[in-house]
Amino acid sequence: MTVDATMTQAPDADRPPGHAPRTEAPPAGAPGTDARPAEAPRTAAPRTGPRDAAAADAAVRRAELAAFLRSRRERITPEQVGLVRGGRRRTPGLRREEVAHLAAVGVTWYTWIEQARDIQVSPQVLDAVARALLMDRAERNHLFVLAGVADPLPDTECTGVPRAMRQVLDQLSPFPAAVQNGRFDILAYNRPYGRLLCDLDALPEEDRNCLWLAFTHPGWRASLVDRDATVRVMAAKFRASMAEHVAEPAWKALVARLTEASPEFREIWARHEVVRSVSKTKIFRNAQVGTLQLVATNFWTGPNPGPRLLSYTPADEESRQRLVRLAELDAAGPEQPARTRQGERPLAGV
């Protein structure tokens, strides 16, 4: 990519480059002149406008972004990211080329970011750099704000799941229930859902996505009895939902992440299959209580498609008893409210 750093200035046609404009006064007593010396030419004050202000603001942001990345890079040791320290190291923390390697981006490209060059940085590159530098949620948010780019990962504030909805999730126990959006992000869930396919509480917030887990998480995949058909339908549903969000960074970032992580997803995604979401009986194999036949039902909390409350009710008596047993096993620990992507939130009066 080329960076346009050209500045233009109006040339002076009457002087060679590098010479000041001539300001000679006519001889005293010459016809049509007086004896006063010629006045120095007036130079117009430089004008500033919205473009200049925007450029200055962008330069400040790039400089702050560069300084922030250097500070994060210098605080991380090679051992923290699985690298060998090696011999002499004049650089505290990681080298630039090591960060580029960990993030799978070009060394020159990453160097330009730290040099505050005027380049366009994609959400995918920033996401990879944030992961390579082990940034927490606050640091990651600061990174994307400085870059002026929307974070492709879903927000963790869970503003779309009100307190009343979380109370409903709790009251549905022992039936598993969760709130999901059209991208399959798990925005909130009750305890039975958090133990149905794997231990959701143990996962990073950015990994709490059903599509991601279905293609990459061993425990989640093992719990899907008809896994091949299930992941194919999920990918088709996701593609159908993505039609209205095809240009949004969060959707594109999830596809890019899955494409890189799962050859199976790449093969299925290339088929361009679509299917609408329908309620149906699903069969899961829980590690603690065995096979469960559950009827999945969607309750839309807004326009369809959009956020929805997904509940699983038993399709037979045996599955109901096993759900009760799962709840009893989980009750060995302290009582907990519904989970959200932000973590556990106590609910007064529940």
Protein backbone atom coordinates (compact mmCIF):
# COMPACT_ATOMS: atom_id res chain seq x y z
CA MET A 1 0.00 0.00 0.00
CA THR A 2 1.34 3.48 -0.82
CA VAL A 3 0.95 6.31 1.58
CA ASP A 4 0.14 9.69 0.07
CA ALA A 5 2.18 12.18 2.05
CA THR A 6 2.52 14.81 -0.77
CA MET A 7 2.08 18.44 0.19
CA THR A 8 1.38 21.08 -2.48
CA GLN A 9 2.29 24.75 -2.51
CA ALA A 10 1.52 27.35 -5.15
CA PRO A 11 4.73 28.14 -7.12
CA ASP A 12 6.02 31.67 -7.70
CA ALA A 13 6.34 32.05 -11.47
CA ASP A 14 8.59 35.13 -11.18
CA ARG A 15 11.44 33.63 -9.18
CA PRO A 16 13.64 30.58 -9.34
CA PRO A 17 13.25 27.98 -6.66
CA GLY A 18 14.84 28.95 -3.34
CA HIS A 19 14.84 32.74 -4.00
CA ALA A 20 12.71 35.33 -2.23
CA PRO A 21 10.37 37.46 -4.37
CA ARG A 22 11.88 40.68 -5.67
CA THR A 23 10.74 43.86 -3.87
CA GLU A 24 12.90 46.55 -5.57
CA ALA A 25 11.60 50.16 -5.39
CA PRO A 26 11.65 52.37 -8.52
CA PRO A 27 14.30 55.15 -8.62
CA ALA A 28 13.47 58.36 -6.75
CA GLY A 29 12.02 61.08 -8.99
CA ALA A 30 10.97 58.68 -11.70
CA PRO A 31 7.81 59.71 -13.56
CA GLY A 32 4.67 58.62 -11.87
CA THR A 33 6.40 57.74 -8.62
CA ASP A 34 7.08 59.40 -5.32
CA ALA A 35 10.18 59.26 -3.17
CA ARG A 36 8.74 56.85 -0.60
CA PRO A 37 10.37 53.41 -0.44
CA ALA A 38 8.31 50.51 -1.68
CA GLU A 39 6.32 48.63 0.93
CA ALA A 40 7.15 45.00 1.65
CA PRO A 41 4.65 42.63 0.10
CA ARG A 42 1.92 41.49 2.38
CA THR A 43 1.82 37.76 3.15
CA ALA A 44 -1.59 36.29 3.79
CA ALA A 45 -1.96 34.46 7.11
CA PRO A 46 -2.27 30.72 6.71
CA ARG A 47 -5.85 29.53 6.75
CA THR A 48 -7.07 26.60 8.75
CA GLY A 49 -10.29 24.77 8.07
CA PRO A 50 -12.13 21.58 8.90
CA ARG A 51 -9.75 19.49 6.81
CA ASP A 52 -6.70 20.87 8.60
CA ALA A 53 -8.31 20.26 12.00
CA ALA A 54 -9.28 16.71 11.04
CA ALA A 55 -5.77 15.99 9.77
CA ALA A 56 -4.24 17.32 12.97
CA ASP A 57 -6.60 15.24 15.09
CA ALA A 58 -5.81 12.12 13.06
CA ALA A 59 -2.07 12.73 13.49
CA VAL A 60 -2.48 13.03 17.25
CA ARG A 61 -4.49 9.81 17.36
CA ARG A 62 -1.88 7.95 15.30
CA ALA A 63 0.89 9.15 17.60
CA GLU A 64 -1.07 8.10 20.68
CA LEU A 65 -1.87 4.72 19.10
CA ALA A 66 1.82 4.17 18.30
CA ALA A 67 2.87 5.03 21.85
CA PHE A 68 0.19 2.77 23.31
CA LEU A 69 1.27 -0.20 21.18
CA ARG A 70 4.93 0.30 22.13
CA SER A 71 4.03 0.40 25.82
CA ARG A 72 1.98 -2.82 25.55
CA ARG A 73 4.72 -4.55 23.54
CA GLU A 74 7.47 -3.62 25.99
CA ARG A 75 5.65 -5.00 29.02
CA ILE A 76 5.28 -8.56 27.64
CA THR A 77 8.12 -11.04 27.98
CA PRO A 78 8.82 -13.66 25.29
CA GLU A 79 8.02 -16.38 27.79
CA GLN A 80 4.48 -15.06 28.27
CA VAL A 81 3.66 -15.78 24.63
CA GLY A 82 5.61 -19.00 24.25
CA LEU A 83 8.75 -17.59 22.61
CA VAL A 84 12.36 -18.35 23.48
CA ARG A 85 14.19 -15.37 24.90
CA GLY A 86 17.43 -16.11 23.04
CA GLY A 87 20.64 -14.14 23.42
CA ARG A 88 21.15 -10.41 23.82
CA ARG A 89 17.96 -8.38 23.80
CA ARG A 90 18.25 -4.62 23.77
CA THR A 91 14.48 -4.25 23.48
CA PRO A 92 12.44 -4.57 26.67
CA GLY A 93 9.64 -7.02 26.15
CA LEU A 94 8.84 -8.18 22.62
CA ARG A 95 10.44 -7.06 19.39
CA ARG A 96 8.30 -5.63 16.62
CA GLU A 97 8.94 -8.62 14.39
CA GLU A 98 7.83 -10.94 17.18
CA VAL A 99 4.52 -9.11 17.56
CA ALA A 100 4.04 -9.24 13.79
CA HIS A 101 4.74 -12.97 13.82
CA LEU A 102 2.31 -13.64 16.67
CA ALA A 103 -0.40 -11.54 14.99
CA ALA A 104 0.29 -13.02 11.53
CA VAL A 105 0.73 -9.58 9.95
CA GLY A 106 3.60 -8.14 7.95
CA VAL A 107 6.57 -6.77 9.90
CA THR A 108 6.66 -3.64 7.76
CA TRP A 109 2.95 -3.09 8.22
CA TYR A 110 3.16 -3.39 12.02
CA THR A 111 6.26 -1.15 12.07
CA TRP A 112 4.37 1.53 10.17
CA ILE A 113 1.60 1.44 12.79
CA GLU A 114 4.14 1.98 15.57
CA GLN A 115 5.72 4.77 13.51
CA ALA A 116 2.36 6.56 13.32
CA ARG A 117 2.29 6.36 9.53
CA ASP A 118 -0.87 7.55 7.81
CA ILE A 119 -2.19 4.12 6.82
CA GLN A 120 -5.55 2.39 7.04
CA VAL A 121 -5.59 -0.45 9.56
CA SER A 122 -8.35 -3.06 9.26
CA PRO A 123 -10.38 -4.36 12.22
CA GLN A 124 -8.93 -7.82 11.57
CA VAL A 125 -5.35 -6.55 11.94
CA LEU A 126 -6.18 -4.69 15.15
CA ASP A 127 -7.95 -7.77 16.50
CA ALA A 128 -4.89 -9.91 15.80
CA VAL A 129 -2.53 -7.37 17.37
CA ALA A 130 -4.72 -7.09 20.48
CA ARG A 131 -4.62 -10.86 20.91
CA ALA A 132 -0.87 -11.02 20.33
CA LEU A 133 -0.28 -8.36 22.99
CA LEU A 134 -2.60 -10.09 25.48
CA MET A 135 -4.80 -7.03 25.86
CA ASP A 136 -7.66 -7.10 28.32
CA ARG A 137 -11.08 -5.68 27.50
CA ALA A 138 -10.25 -2.11 28.57
CA GLU A 139 -6.97 -2.08 26.63
CA ARG A 140 -8.62 -3.56 23.56
CA ASN A 141 -11.37 -0.94 23.63
CA HIS A 142 -8.74 1.82 23.95
CA LEU A 143 -6.86 0.40 20.97
CA PHE A 144 -9.90 0.47 18.68
CA VAL A 145 -10.98 3.93 19.84
CA LEU A 146 -7.54 5.37 19.07
CA ALA A 147 -7.56 3.71 15.65
CA GLY A 148 -11.06 5.02 14.92
CA VAL A 149 -12.22 1.52 13.96
CA ALA A 150 -15.22 -0.45 15.18
CA ASP A 151 -14.30 -3.46 17.30
CA PRO A 152 -15.40 -6.62 15.45
CA LEU A 153 -16.00 -8.49 18.69
CA PRO A 154 -19.43 -8.09 20.29
CA ASP A 155 -19.71 -5.71 23.20
CA THR A 156 -19.42 -7.20 26.65
CA GLU A 157 -21.67 -4.69 28.35
CA CYS A 158 -24.71 -6.75 27.34
CA THR A 159 -26.88 -3.67 26.99
CA GLY A 160 -29.41 -5.67 24.98
CA VAL A 161 -30.24 -8.03 27.87
CA PRO A 162 -32.21 -6.16 30.53
CA ARG A 163 -32.50 -7.28 34.12
CA ALA A 164 -36.03 -8.57 33.57
CA MET A 165 -34.85 -10.88 30.80
CA ARG A 166 -32.13 -12.31 33.01
CA GLN A 167 -34.76 -13.00 35.67
CA VAL A 168 -36.77 -14.93 33.08
CA LEU A 169 -33.68 -17.01 32.29
CA ASP A 170 -33.26 -17.89 35.95
CA GLN A 171 -36.90 -18.83 36.36
CA LEU A 172 -36.73 -21.26 33.44
CA SER A 173 -34.32 -23.53 35.33
CA PRO A 174 -33.92 -26.52 35.14
CA PHE A 175 -34.63 -25.94 31.46
CA PRO A 176 -31.58 -24.56 29.58
CA ALA A 177 -32.12 -21.08 28.17
CA ALA A 178 -29.99 -18.32 26.66
CA VAL A 179 -30.25 -15.01 24.82
CA GLN A 180 -28.51 -15.00 21.44
CA ASN A 181 -28.26 -12.54 18.57
CA GLY A 182 -28.32 -13.28 14.87
CA ARG A 183 -24.55 -13.81 14.88
CA PHE A 184 -24.90 -16.68 17.40
CA ASP A 185 -23.22 -14.66 20.17
CA ILE A 186 -24.38 -15.92 23.57
CA LEU A 187 -25.37 -12.69 25.30
CA ALA A 188 -26.76 -14.22 28.50
CA TYR A 189 -27.59 -17.69 29.82
CA ASN A 190 -28.81 -19.53 32.88
CA ARG A 191 -26.92 -22.22 34.77
CA PRO A 192 -28.41 -25.25 32.94
CA TYR A 193 -27.44 -23.78 29.57
CA GLY A 194 -23.98 -22.97 30.89
CA ARG A 195 -23.46 -26.69 31.68
CA LEU A 196 -25.37 -28.25 28.78
CA LEU A 197 -22.62 -28.53 26.14
CA CYS A 198 -19.52 -27.32 27.99
CA ASP A 199 -18.55 -25.05 30.87
CA LEU A 200 -19.34 -21.66 29.37
CA ASP A 201 -18.11 -19.80 32.45
CA ALA A 202 -14.60 -21.12 31.79
CA LEU A 203 -14.48 -19.68 28.27
CA PRO A 204 -13.19 -16.23 27.27
CA GLU A 205 -16.01 -13.82 26.48
CA GLU A 206 -15.01 -13.58 22.82
CA ASP A 207 -15.37 -17.37 22.44
CA ARG A 208 -18.97 -17.51 23.70
CA ASN A 209 -20.41 -17.88 20.23
CA CYS A 210 -22.32 -21.02 19.22
CA LEU A 211 -20.93 -21.11 15.69
CA TRP A 212 -17.35 -20.73 16.89
CA LEU A 213 -17.81 -23.41 19.55
CA ALA A 214 -19.52 -25.83 17.16
CA PHE A 215 -16.50 -25.74 14.82
CA THR A 216 -13.61 -25.38 17.27
CA HIS A 217 -14.43 -26.50 20.85
CA PRO A 218 -13.84 -30.25 21.43
CA GLY A 219 -16.32 -30.54 24.31
CA TRP A 220 -19.07 -28.64 22.51
CA ARG A 221 -18.56 -30.69 19.34
CA ALA A 222 -18.63 -33.96 21.27
CA SER A 223 -22.00 -32.97 22.79
CA LEU A 224 -23.64 -32.68 19.36
CA VAL A 225 -25.02 -36.12 18.53
CA ASP A 226 -25.61 -35.35 14.84
CA ARG A 227 -22.68 -32.97 14.61
CA ASP A 228 -22.13 -32.98 10.83
CA ALA A 229 -25.71 -32.02 10.04
CA THR A 230 -25.87 -29.56 12.93
CA VAL A 231 -22.84 -27.50 11.95
CA ARG A 232 -23.95 -27.44 8.32
CA VAL A 233 -27.37 -26.06 9.28
CA MET A 234 -25.78 -23.53 11.64
CA ALA A 235 -23.49 -22.23 8.90
CA ALA A 236 -26.47 -21.95 6.54
CA LYS A 237 -28.49 -20.02 9.13
CA PHE A 238 -25.56 -17.72 9.76
CA ARG A 239 -25.16 -16.98 6.04
CA ALA A 240 -28.88 -16.19 5.75
CA SER A 241 -28.67 -13.80 8.70
CA MET A 242 -25.48 -12.20 7.39
CA ALA A 243 -27.20 -10.99 4.22
CA GLU A 244 -28.36 -7.89 6.12
CA HIS A 245 -24.95 -7.38 7.79
CA VAL A 246 -22.56 -8.36 5.01
CA ALA A 247 -20.45 -5.19 5.32
CA GLU A 248 -20.32 -5.05 9.13
CA PRO A 249 -16.87 -5.66 10.69
CA ALA A 250 -18.09 -7.96 13.48
CA TRP A 251 -19.73 -10.37 11.04
CA LYS A 252 -16.80 -10.36 8.63
CA ALA A 253 -14.34 -10.85 11.48
CA LEU A 254 -16.18 -13.95 12.72
CA VAL A 255 -16.13 -15.46 9.23
CA ALA A 256 -12.42 -14.66 8.88
CA ARG A 257 -11.66 -16.16 12.26
CA LEU A 258 -13.58 -19.36 11.52
CA THR A 259 -12.08 -19.64 8.05
CA GLU A 260 -8.60 -19.51 9.52
CA ALA A 261 -9.32 -21.89 12.41
CA SER A 262 -11.49 -24.57 10.78
CA PRO A 263 -10.96 -26.33 7.43
CA GLU A 264 -14.41 -27.87 7.94
CA PHE A 265 -15.98 -24.40 8.12
CA ARG A 266 -14.11 -23.29 4.99
CA GLU A 267 -15.49 -26.26 3.04
CA ILE A 268 -19.08 -25.73 4.26
CA TRP A 269 -18.97 -21.95 3.83
CA ALA A 270 -17.92 -22.32 0.20
CA ARG A 271 -21.24 -24.08 -0.55
CA HIS A 272 -23.24 -20.85 -0.02
CA GLU A 273 -26.14 -22.73 1.57
CA VAL A 274 -28.90 -20.81 3.34
CA VAL A 275 -31.80 -21.94 5.52
CA ARG A 276 -34.30 -20.14 7.73
CA SER A 277 -34.38 -20.72 11.47
CA VAL A 278 -37.05 -23.16 12.68
CA SER A 279 -37.82 -24.79 16.02
CA LYS A 280 -37.01 -28.49 16.17
CA THR A 281 -35.98 -31.30 18.47
CA LYS A 282 -32.26 -31.47 19.11
CA ILE A 283 -30.27 -34.28 20.64
CA PHE A 284 -27.34 -33.56 22.93
CA ARG A 285 -24.95 -35.84 24.75
CA ASN A 286 -24.16 -34.33 28.16
CA ALA A 287 -21.04 -35.64 29.86
CA GLN A 288 -22.76 -35.87 33.26
CA VAL A 289 -26.28 -37.15 32.61
CA GLY A 290 -26.20 -38.69 29.14
CA THR A 291 -28.37 -38.14 26.06
CA LEU A 292 -30.99 -35.38 26.10
CA GLN A 293 -33.78 -34.86 23.57
CA LEU A 294 -34.77 -31.20 23.78
CA VAL A 295 -37.18 -29.03 21.81
CA ALA A 296 -35.60 -25.71 20.85
CA THR A 297 -37.95 -22.71 20.84
CA ASN A 298 -37.11 -19.12 19.88
CA PHE A 299 -38.81 -16.14 21.52
CA TRP A 300 -37.86 -13.02 19.58
CA THR A 301 -37.10 -10.01 21.78
CA GLY A 302 -37.13 -7.61 18.82
CA PRO A 303 -37.51 -7.63 15.04
CA ASN A 304 -36.90 -11.00 13.41
CA PRO A 305 -34.02 -11.68 12.80
CA GLY A 306 -32.45 -10.22 15.91
CA PRO A 307 -31.87 -11.02 19.58
CA ARG A 308 -33.91 -13.96 20.75
CA LEU A 309 -34.48 -15.98 23.88
CA LEU A 310 -33.69 -19.60 23.08
CA SER A 311 -35.14 -22.24 25.41
CA TYR A 312 -34.77 -26.00 25.47
CA THR A 313 -37.65 -28.03 26.89
CA PRO A 314 -37.58 -31.85 27.31
CA ALA A 315 -39.10 -33.87 24.49
CA ASP A 316 -39.75 -36.86 26.77
CA GLU A 317 -39.91 -37.80 30.44
CA GLU A 318 -36.45 -39.30 30.49
CA SER A 319 -34.92 -36.07 29.21
CA ARG A 320 -36.88 -34.09 31.82
CA GLN A 321 -35.52 -36.26 34.62
CA ARG A 322 -32.00 -35.91 33.29
CA LEU A 323 -32.33 -32.12 33.18
CA VAL A 324 -33.45 -32.20 36.81
CA ARG A 325 -30.47 -34.40 37.63
CA LEU A 326 -28.12 -31.99 35.87
CA ALA A 327 -29.53 -29.13 37.93
CA GLU A 328 -29.06 -31.16 41.13
CA LEU A 329 -25.44 -31.88 40.29
CA ASP A 330 -24.81 -28.23 39.55
CA ALA A 331 -26.53 -27.18 42.80
CA ALA A 332 -23.59 -28.59 44.75
CA GLY A 333 -22.03 -25.15 44.37
CA PRO A 334 -23.44 -21.81 45.60
CA GLU A 335 -26.59 -20.55 43.90
CA GLN A 336 -25.77 -18.27 40.98
CA PRO A 337 -27.89 -15.99 38.77
CA ALA A 338 -28.00 -16.02 34.98
CA ARG A 339 -24.70 -15.33 33.27
CA THR A 340 -24.04 -12.58 30.78
CA ARG A 341 -21.10 -11.82 28.52
CA GLN A 342 -19.96 -9.35 31.17
CA GLY A 343 -19.87 -12.02 33.86
CA GLU A 344 -22.04 -12.79 36.85
CA ARG A 345 -24.52 -10.18 38.04
CA PRO A 346 -26.42 -10.56 41.32
CA LEU A 347 -30.15 -10.06 40.95
CA ALA A 348 -31.86 -8.67 44.03
CA GLY A 349 -35.12 -10.29 44.94
CA VAL A 350 -34.69 -13.38 42.72
